[in-house]
Structure formats: structure tokens, C-alpha cells
Amino acid sequence: MTIVVELLLIFETFSVEYKRYKMGDPRKGSLIGEAEMGNVADKINELRVREAKVAEMGGAKAVAKQHETGKMTARERLLHFFD
């Protein structure tokens, strides 16, 4: 075998073993452990909180101030553009 083929075989073996280590061995019945699922749920909740904060667009005062100057918010402009 050439060195390239040998390296590819080593990399492929390492890749499969790494995936089993990282994701869990599917032969054991669970790909992701319960502890990891808890972490995922926490991250999803954190993203939902951040998404809600972004949706506020700086708060009602900031939106009112922009409307007072005769401007639309970025979301309003996009909605108007795609309407």
C-alpha cells in the first residue's frame, strides 16, 4: 500500500472511533446521554430568552422614539418591503 492509502485508512478508523466517543456508541442504545440532553435543553432555553430580548428591539421607548422621528423599525421596513 502507498503511504496515502495507509493514512486514509488510519484517518477513517480514527474518524469512526472519534464519532463513537463524541456521540456515544449506537450499539449501547443511546446516542446522547441524559446529561448532554440537559445541557442541550438549557442552551435551547437560553436561545429562546435571547430571541425574545432581540424581538423587543431595544424596548418600547426606543421604538416610540424611532416612530416620533418618522422612521420605521428595521423589522417594519422588512415587512413593508416583502409585503
PDB file of N, CA and C in Angstrom:
ATOM      1  N   MET A   1       0.843  -1.194   0.000  1.00  0.00           N
ATOM      2  CA  MET A   1       0.000   0.000   0.000  1.00  0.00           C
ATOM      3  C   MET A   1       0.879   1.244   0.000  1.00  0.00           C
ATOM      4  N   THR A   2       0.339   2.255  -0.599  1.00  0.00           N
ATOM      5  CA  THR A   2       1.071   3.520  -0.594  1.00  0.00           C
ATOM      6  C   THR A   2       0.819   4.232   0.725  1.00  0.00           C
ATOM      7  N   ILE A   3       1.627   5.188   0.989  1.00  0.00           N
ATOM      8  CA  ILE A   3       1.504   5.946   2.233  1.00  0.00           C
ATOM      9  C   ILE A   3       0.178   6.691   2.297  1.00  0.00           C
ATOM     10  N   VAL A   4      -0.305   7.163   1.153  1.00  0.00           N
ATOM     11  CA  VAL A   4      -1.572   7.898   1.122  1.00  0.00           C
ATOM     12  C   VAL A   4      -2.721   6.985   1.526  1.00  0.00           C
ATOM     13  N   VAL A   5      -2.739   5.772   0.989  1.00  0.00           N
ATOM     14  CA  VAL A   5      -3.802   4.820   1.318  1.00  0.00           C
ATOM     15  C   VAL A   5      -3.746   4.468   2.798  1.00  0.00           C
ATOM     16  N   GLU A   6      -2.547   4.247   3.319  1.00  0.00           N
ATOM     17  CA  GLU A   6      -2.398   3.933   4.740  1.00  0.00           C
ATOM     18  C   GLU A   6      -2.906   5.079   5.610  1.00  0.00           C
ATOM     19  N   LEU A   7      -2.552   6.298   5.238  1.00  0.00           N
ATOM     20  CA  LEU A   7      -3.014   7.453   6.007  1.00  0.00           C
ATOM     21  C   LEU A   7      -4.528   7.589   5.950  1.00  0.00           C
ATOM     22  N   LEU A   8      -5.115   7.340   4.790  1.00  0.00           N
ATOM     23  CA  LEU A   8      -6.574   7.407   4.672  1.00  0.00           C
ATOM     24  C   LEU A   8      -7.245   6.362   5.551  1.00  0.00           C
ATOM     25  N   LEU A   9      -6.692   5.160   5.594  1.00  0.00           N
ATOM     26  CA  LEU A   9      -7.260   4.111   6.449  1.00  0.00           C
ATOM     27  C   LEU A   9      -7.151   4.482   7.924  1.00  0.00           C
ATOM     28  N   ILE A  10      -6.018   5.036   8.313  1.00  0.00           N
ATOM     29  CA  ILE A  10      -5.840   5.466   9.705  1.00  0.00           C
ATOM     30  C   ILE A  10      -6.826   6.574  10.041  1.00  0.00           C
ATOM     31  N   PHE A  11      -6.960   7.545   9.148  1.00  0.00           N
ATOM     32  CA  PHE A  11      -7.880   8.656   9.387  1.00  0.00           C
ATOM     33  C   PHE A  11      -9.315   8.162   9.484  1.00  0.00           C
ATOM     34  N   GLU A  12      -9.700   7.242   8.591  1.00  0.00           N
ATOM     35  CA  GLU A  12     -11.065   6.718   8.606  1.00  0.00           C
ATOM     36  C   GLU A  12     -11.343   5.985   9.911  1.00  0.00           C
ATOM     37  N   THR A  13     -10.398   5.181  10.369  1.00  0.00           N
ATOM     38  CA  THR A  13     -10.560   4.465  11.634  1.00  0.00           C
ATOM     39  C   THR A  13     -10.665   5.452  12.784  1.00  0.00           C
ATOM     40  N   PHE A  14      -9.796   6.445  12.798  1.00  0.00           N
ATOM     41  CA  PHE A  14      -9.830   7.451  13.851  1.00  0.00           C
ATOM     42  C   PHE A  14     -11.155   8.199  13.825  1.00  0.00           C
ATOM     43  N   SER A  15     -11.622   8.523  12.624  1.00  0.00           N
ATOM     44  CA  SER A  15     -12.862   9.271  12.477  1.00  0.00           C
ATOM     45  C   SER A  15     -14.040   8.504  13.061  1.00  0.00           C
ATOM     46  N   VAL A  16     -14.133   7.214  12.767  1.00  0.00           N
ATOM     47  CA  VAL A  16     -15.227   6.387  13.288  1.00  0.00           C
ATOM     48  C   VAL A  16     -15.136   6.299  14.803  1.00  0.00           C
ATOM     49  N   GLU A  17     -13.950   6.072  15.327  1.00  0.00           N
ATOM     50  CA  GLU A  17     -13.777   5.971  16.777  1.00  0.00           C
ATOM     51  C   GLU A  17     -14.097   7.295  17.458  1.00  0.00           C
ATOM     52  N   TYR A  18     -13.698   8.401  16.844  1.00  0.00           N
ATOM     53  CA  TYR A  18     -13.968   9.708  17.424  1.00  0.00           C
ATOM     54  C   TYR A  18     -15.467   9.971  17.475  1.00  0.00           C
ATOM     55  N   LYS A  19     -16.173   9.619  16.407  1.00  0.00           N
ATOM     56  CA  LYS A  19     -17.620   9.812  16.391  1.00  0.00           C
ATOM     57  C   LYS A  19     -18.285   8.991  17.481  1.00  0.00           C
ATOM     58  N   ARG A  20     -17.835   7.760  17.669  1.00  0.00           N
ATOM     59  CA  ARG A  20     -18.400   6.920  18.735  1.00  0.00           C
ATOM     60  C   ARG A  20     -18.130   7.534  20.105  1.00  0.00           C
ATOM     61  N   TYR A  21     -16.921   8.074  20.278  1.00  0.00           N
ATOM     62  CA  TYR A  21     -16.575   8.699  21.549  1.00  0.00           C
ATOM     63  C   TYR A  21     -17.421   9.941  21.784  1.00  0.00           C
ATOM     64  N   LYS A  22     -17.573  10.766  20.751  1.00  0.00           N
ATOM     65  CA  LYS A  22     -18.265  12.044  20.890  1.00  0.00           C
ATOM     66  C   LYS A  22     -19.773  11.874  20.986  1.00  0.00           C
ATOM     67  N   MET A  23     -20.347  11.021  20.177  1.00  0.00           N
ATOM     68  CA  MET A  23     -21.801  10.878  20.103  1.00  0.00           C
ATOM     69  C   MET A  23     -22.329   9.746  20.980  1.00  0.00           C
ATOM     70  N   GLY A  24     -21.480   8.878  21.412  1.00  0.00           N
ATOM     71  CA  GLY A  24     -21.935   7.694  22.121  1.00  0.00           C
ATOM     72  C   GLY A  24     -22.015   6.547  21.129  1.00  0.00           C
ATOM     73  N   ASP A  25     -21.860   5.370  21.620  1.00  0.00           N
ATOM     74  CA  ASP A  25     -21.884   4.199  20.746  1.00  0.00           C
ATOM     75  C   ASP A  25     -23.324   3.799  20.490  1.00  0.00           C
ATOM     76  N   PRO A  26     -23.792   3.823  19.230  1.00  0.00           N
ATOM     77  CA  PRO A  26     -25.190   3.487  18.948  1.00  0.00           C
ATOM     78  C   PRO A  26     -25.548   2.067  19.344  1.00  0.00           C
ATOM     79  N   ARG A  27     -24.551   1.209  19.473  1.00  0.00           N
ATOM     80  CA  ARG A  27     -24.834  -0.169  19.878  1.00  0.00           C
ATOM     81  C   ARG A  27     -25.225  -0.248  21.347  1.00  0.00           C
ATOM     82  N   LYS A  28     -24.956   0.786  22.103  1.00  0.00           N
ATOM     83  CA  LYS A  28     -25.332   0.810  23.516  1.00  0.00           C
ATOM     84  C   LYS A  28     -26.759   1.288  23.710  1.00  0.00           C
ATOM     85  N   GLY A  29     -27.418   1.756  22.659  1.00  0.00           N
ATOM     86  CA  GLY A  29     -28.827   2.122  22.746  1.00  0.00           C
ATOM     87  C   GLY A  29     -29.101   3.605  22.814  1.00  0.00           C
ATOM     88  N   SER A  30     -28.114   4.415  23.140  1.00  0.00           N
ATOM     89  CA  SER A  30     -28.354   5.850  23.243  1.00  0.00           C
ATOM     90  C   SER A  30     -27.207   6.600  22.580  1.00  0.00           C
ATOM     91  N   LEU A  31     -27.560   7.503  21.699  1.00  0.00           N
ATOM     92  CA  LEU A  31     -26.523   8.293  21.046  1.00  0.00           C
ATOM     93  C   LEU A  31     -26.059   9.440  21.927  1.00  0.00           C
ATOM     94  N   ILE A  32     -26.979  10.029  22.676  1.00  0.00           N
ATOM     95  CA  ILE A  32     -26.645  11.165  23.528  1.00  0.00           C
ATOM     96  C   ILE A  32     -27.099  10.837  24.942  1.00  0.00           C
ATOM     97  N   GLY A  33     -26.213  11.042  25.894  1.00  0.00           N
ATOM     98  CA  GLY A  33     -26.546  10.745  27.271  1.00  0.00           C
ATOM     99  C   GLY A  33     -27.517  11.754  27.861  1.00  0.00           C
ATOM    100  N   GLU A  34     -28.090  11.398  28.998  1.00  0.00           N
ATOM    101  CA  GLU A  34     -29.069  12.279  29.641  1.00  0.00           C
ATOM    102  C   GLU A  34     -28.442  13.594  30.073  1.00  0.00           C
ATOM    103  N   ALA A  35     -27.199  13.560  30.519  1.00  0.00           N
ATOM    104  CA  ALA A  35     -26.530  14.794  30.947  1.00  0.00           C
ATOM    105  C   ALA A  35     -26.374  15.753  29.771  1.00  0.00           C
ATOM    106  N   GLU A  36     -26.010  15.207  28.609  1.00  0.00           N
ATOM    107  CA  GLU A  36     -25.865  16.059  27.436  1.00  0.00           C
ATOM    108  C   GLU A  36     -27.213  16.624  27.012  1.00  0.00           C
ATOM    109  N   MET A  37     -28.282  15.844  27.138  1.00  0.00           N
ATOM    110  CA  MET A  37     -29.612  16.326  26.777  1.00  0.00           C
ATOM    111  C   MET A  37     -30.025  17.478  27.684  1.00  0.00           C
ATOM    112  N   GLY A  38     -29.651  17.414  28.960  1.00  0.00           N
ATOM    113  CA  GLY A  38     -29.931  18.519  29.869  1.00  0.00           C
ATOM    114  C   GLY A  38     -29.222  19.780  29.419  1.00  0.00           C
ATOM    115  N   ASN A  39     -27.981  19.632  29.005  1.00  0.00           N
ATOM    116  CA  ASN A  39     -27.226  20.785  28.511  1.00  0.00           C
ATOM    117  C   ASN A  39     -27.862  21.358  27.254  1.00  0.00           C
ATOM    118  N   VAL A  40     -28.343  20.489  26.381  1.00  0.00           N
ATOM    119  CA  VAL A  40     -28.991  20.945  25.149  1.00  0.00           C
ATOM    120  C   VAL A  40     -30.261  21.713  25.484  1.00  0.00           C
ATOM    121  N   ALA A  41     -31.051  21.194  26.420  1.00  0.00           N
ATOM    122  CA  ALA A  41     -32.287  21.869  26.816  1.00  0.00           C
ATOM    123  C   ALA A  41     -31.984  23.242  27.410  1.00  0.00           C
ATOM    124  N   ASP A  42     -30.933  23.323  28.221  1.00  0.00           N
ATOM    125  CA  ASP A  42     -30.541  24.613  28.793  1.00  0.00           C
ATOM    126  C   ASP A  42     -30.144  25.599  27.697  1.00  0.00           C
ATOM    127  N   LYS A  43     -29.411  25.122  26.715  1.00  0.00           N
ATOM    128  CA  LYS A  43     -28.986  26.000  25.624  1.00  0.00           C
ATOM    129  C   LYS A  43     -30.174  26.460  24.791  1.00  0.00           C
ATOM    130  N   ILE A  44     -31.131  25.572  24.568  1.00  0.00           N
ATOM    131  CA  ILE A  44     -32.330  25.951  23.814  1.00  0.00           C
ATOM    132  C   ILE A  44     -33.109  27.015  24.570  1.00  0.00           C
ATOM    133  N   ASN A  45     -33.258  26.838  25.882  1.00  0.00           N
ATOM    134  CA  ASN A  45     -33.960  27.840  26.693  1.00  0.00           C
ATOM    135  C   ASN A  45     -33.230  29.177  26.661  1.00  0.00           C
ATOM    136  N   GLU A  46     -31.910  29.138  26.737  1.00  0.00           N
ATOM    137  CA  GLU A  46     -31.122  30.373  26.677  1.00  0.00           C
ATOM    138  C   GLU A  46     -31.327  31.081  25.335  1.00  0.00           C
ATOM    139  N   LEU A  47     -31.356  30.313  24.254  1.00  0.00           N
ATOM    140  CA  LEU A  47     -31.589  30.911  22.938  1.00  0.00           C
ATOM    141  C   LEU A  47     -32.974  31.526  22.842  1.00  0.00           C
ATOM    142  N   ARG A  48     -33.971  30.892  23.445  1.00  0.00           N
ATOM    143  CA  ARG A  48     -35.329  31.446  23.424  1.00  0.00           C
ATOM    144  C   ARG A  48     -35.393  32.767  24.182  1.00  0.00           C
ATOM    145  N   VAL A  49     -34.694  32.850  25.303  1.00  0.00           N
ATOM    146  CA  VAL A  49     -34.661  34.095  26.077  1.00  0.00           C
ATOM    147  C   VAL A  49     -33.972  35.190  25.267  1.00  0.00           C
ATOM    148  N   ARG A  50     -32.854  34.847  24.630  1.00  0.00           N
ATOM    149  CA  ARG A  50     -32.136  35.829  23.819  1.00  0.00           C
ATOM    150  C   ARG A  50     -32.974  36.275  22.626  1.00  0.00           C
ATOM    151  N   GLU A  51     -33.703  35.335  22.032  1.00  0.00           N
ATOM    152  CA  GLU A  51     -34.561  35.666  20.892  1.00  0.00           C
ATOM    153  C   GLU A  51     -35.669  36.628  21.310  1.00  0.00           C
ATOM    154  N   ALA A  52     -36.257  36.402  22.488  1.00  0.00           N
ATOM    155  CA  ALA A  52     -37.308  37.294  22.981  1.00  0.00           C
ATOM    156  C   ALA A  52     -36.748  38.693  23.235  1.00  0.00           C
ATOM    157  N   LYS A  53     -35.524  38.753  23.769  1.00  0.00           N
ATOM    158  CA  LYS A  53     -34.907  40.048  24.039  1.00  0.00           C
ATOM    159  C   LYS A  53     -34.642  40.807  22.736  1.00  0.00           C
ATOM    160  N   VAL A  54     -34.197  40.098  21.720  1.00  0.00           N
ATOM    161  CA  VAL A  54     -33.944  40.728  20.421  1.00  0.00           C
ATOM    162  C   VAL A  54     -35.252  41.200  19.802  1.00  0.00           C
ATOM    163  N   ALA A  55     -36.323  40.427  19.989  1.00  0.00           N
ATOM    164  CA  ALA A  55     -37.621  40.784  19.409  1.00  0.00           C
ATOM    165  C   ALA A  55     -38.169  42.076  20.006  1.00  0.00           C
ATOM    166  N   GLU A  56     -37.708  42.446  21.203  1.00  0.00           N
ATOM    167  CA  GLU A  56     -38.165  43.691  21.833  1.00  0.00           C
ATOM    168  C   GLU A  56     -37.613  44.922  21.116  1.00  0.00           C
ATOM    169  N   MET A  57     -36.587  44.773  20.326  1.00  0.00           N
ATOM    170  CA  MET A  57     -35.976  45.855  19.545  1.00  0.00           C
ATOM    171  C   MET A  57     -35.573  47.051  20.403  1.00  0.00           C
ATOM    172  N   GLY A  58     -34.966  46.809  21.523  1.00  0.00           N
ATOM    173  CA  GLY A  58     -34.489  47.902  22.362  1.00  0.00           C
ATOM    174  C   GLY A  58     -35.530  48.436  23.323  1.00  0.00           C
ATOM    175  N   GLY A  59     -36.708  47.880  23.324  1.00  0.00           N
ATOM    176  CA  GLY A  59     -37.766  48.301  24.237  1.00  0.00           C
ATOM    177  C   GLY A  59     -38.763  49.234  23.573  1.00  0.00           C
ATOM    178  N   ALA A  60     -39.876  49.428  24.270  1.00  0.00           N
ATOM    179  CA  ALA A  60     -40.967  50.251  23.734  1.00  0.00           C
ATOM    180  C   ALA A  60     -40.539  51.707  23.548  1.00  0.00           C
ATOM    181  N   LYS A  61     -39.681  52.206  24.458  1.00  0.00           N
ATOM    182  CA  LYS A  61     -39.230  53.601  24.347  1.00  0.00           C
ATOM    183  C   LYS A  61     -38.422  53.816  23.071  1.00  0.00           C
ATOM    184  N   ALA A  62     -37.560  52.872  22.758  1.00  0.00           N
ATOM    185  CA  ALA A  62     -36.727  53.006  21.557  1.00  0.00           C
ATOM    186  C   ALA A  62     -37.576  52.966  20.292  1.00  0.00           C
ATOM    187  N   VAL A  63     -38.577  52.098  20.281  1.00  0.00           N
ATOM    188  CA  VAL A  63     -39.464  52.006  19.115  1.00  0.00           C
ATOM    189  C   VAL A  63     -40.278  53.288  18.983  1.00  0.00           C
ATOM    190  N   ALA A  64     -40.799  53.805  20.114  1.00  0.00           N
ATOM    191  CA  ALA A  64     -41.584  55.043  20.087  1.00  0.00           C
ATOM    192  C   ALA A  64     -40.729  56.214  19.607  1.00  0.00           C
ATOM    193  N   LYS A  65     -39.494  56.273  20.068  1.00  0.00           N
ATOM    194  CA  LYS A  65     -38.591  57.350  19.652  1.00  0.00           C
ATOM    195  C   LYS A  65     -38.353  57.306  18.140  1.00  0.00           C
ATOM    196  N   GLN A  66     -38.200  56.114  17.610  1.00  0.00           N
ATOM    197  CA  GLN A  66     -37.976  55.984  16.172  1.00  0.00           C
ATOM    198  C   GLN A  66     -39.228  56.386  15.396  1.00  0.00           C
ATOM    199  N   HIS A  67     -40.398  56.027  15.922  1.00  0.00           N
ATOM    200  CA  HIS A  67     -41.651  56.408  15.265  1.00  0.00           C
ATOM    201  C   HIS A  67     -41.864  57.923  15.321  1.00  0.00           C
ATOM    202  N   GLU A  68     -41.437  58.562  16.412  1.00  0.00           N
ATOM    203  CA  GLU A  68     -41.570  60.016  16.550  1.00  0.00           C
ATOM    204  C   GLU A  68     -40.774  60.757  15.480  1.00  0.00           C
ATOM    205  N   THR A  69     -39.653  60.185  15.085  1.00  0.00           N
ATOM    206  CA  THR A  69     -38.836  60.833  14.055  1.00  0.00           C
ATOM    207  C   THR A  69     -39.313  60.481  12.644  1.00  0.00           C
ATOM    208  N   GLY A  70     -40.423  59.747  12.569  1.00  0.00           N
ATOM    209  CA  GLY A  70     -40.984  59.400  11.264  1.00  0.00           C
ATOM    210  C   GLY A  70     -40.335  58.195  10.608  1.00  0.00           C
ATOM    211  N   LYS A  71     -39.615  57.422  11.391  1.00  0.00           N
ATOM    212  CA  LYS A  71     -38.934  56.252  10.843  1.00  0.00           C
ATOM    213  C   LYS A  71     -39.646  54.973  11.274  1.00  0.00           C
ATOM    214  N   MET A  72     -39.473  53.942  10.469  1.00  0.00           N
ATOM    215  CA  MET A  72     -39.956  52.613  10.845  1.00  0.00           C
ATOM    216  C   MET A  72     -38.783  51.827  11.423  1.00  0.00           C
ATOM    217  N   THR A  73     -39.104  50.835  12.232  1.00  0.00           N
ATOM    218  CA  THR A  73     -38.049  49.961  12.742  1.00  0.00           C
ATOM    219  C   THR A  73     -37.566  49.073  11.601  1.00  0.00           C
ATOM    220  N   ALA A  74     -36.451  48.435  11.814  1.00  0.00           N
ATOM    221  CA  ALA A  74     -35.897  47.557  10.779  1.00  0.00           C
ATOM    222  C   ALA A  74     -36.878  46.447  10.429  1.00  0.00           C
ATOM    223  N   ARG A  75     -37.509  45.875  11.430  1.00  0.00           N
ATOM    224  CA  ARG A  75     -38.486  44.809  11.157  1.00  0.00           C
ATOM    225  C   ARG A  75     -39.682  45.344  10.375  1.00  0.00           C
ATOM    226  N   GLU A  76     -40.135  46.535  10.711  1.00  0.00           N
ATOM    227  CA  GLU A  76     -41.258  47.128   9.981  1.00  0.00           C
ATOM    228  C   GLU A  76     -40.879  47.395   8.526  1.00  0.00           C
ATOM    229  N   ARG A  77     -39.654  47.873   8.320  1.00  0.00           N
ATOM    230  CA  ARG A  77     -39.199  48.116   6.946  1.00  0.00           C
ATOM    231  C   ARG A  77     -39.133  46.819   6.150  1.00  0.00           C
ATOM    232  N   LEU A  78     -38.642  45.768   6.773  1.00  0.00           N
ATOM    233  CA  LEU A  78     -38.576  44.480   6.079  1.00  0.00           C
ATOM    234  C   LEU A  78     -39.966  43.939   5.774  1.00  0.00           C
ATOM    235  N   LEU A  79     -40.879  44.053   6.738  1.00  0.00           N
ATOM    236  CA  LEU A  79     -42.250  43.598   6.491  1.00  0.00           C
ATOM    237  C   LEU A  79     -42.885  44.387   5.352  1.00  0.00           C
ATOM    238  N   HIS A  80     -42.645  45.695   5.336  1.00  0.00           N
ATOM    239  CA  HIS A  80     -43.180  46.543   4.272  1.00  0.00           C
ATOM    240  C   HIS A  80     -42.543  46.184   2.925  1.00  0.00           C
ATOM    241  N   PHE A  81     -41.256  45.904   2.943  1.00  0.00           N
ATOM    242  CA  PHE A  81     -40.528  45.565   1.724  1.00  0.00           C
ATOM    243  C   PHE A  81     -41.034  44.261   1.117  1.00  0.00           C
ATOM    244  N   PHE A  82     -41.264  43.257   1.964  1.00  0.00           N
ATOM    245  CA  PHE A  82     -41.680  41.946   1.465  1.00  0.00           C
ATOM    246  C   PHE A  82     -43.187  41.813   1.321  1.00  0.00           C
ATOM    247  N   ASP A  83     -43.928  42.840   1.686  1.00  0.00           N
ATOM    248  CA  ASP A  83     -45.392  42.776   1.596  1.00  0.00           C
ATOM    249  C   ASP A  83     -45.886  42.883   0.189  1.00  0.00           C
TER     250      ASP A  83
END
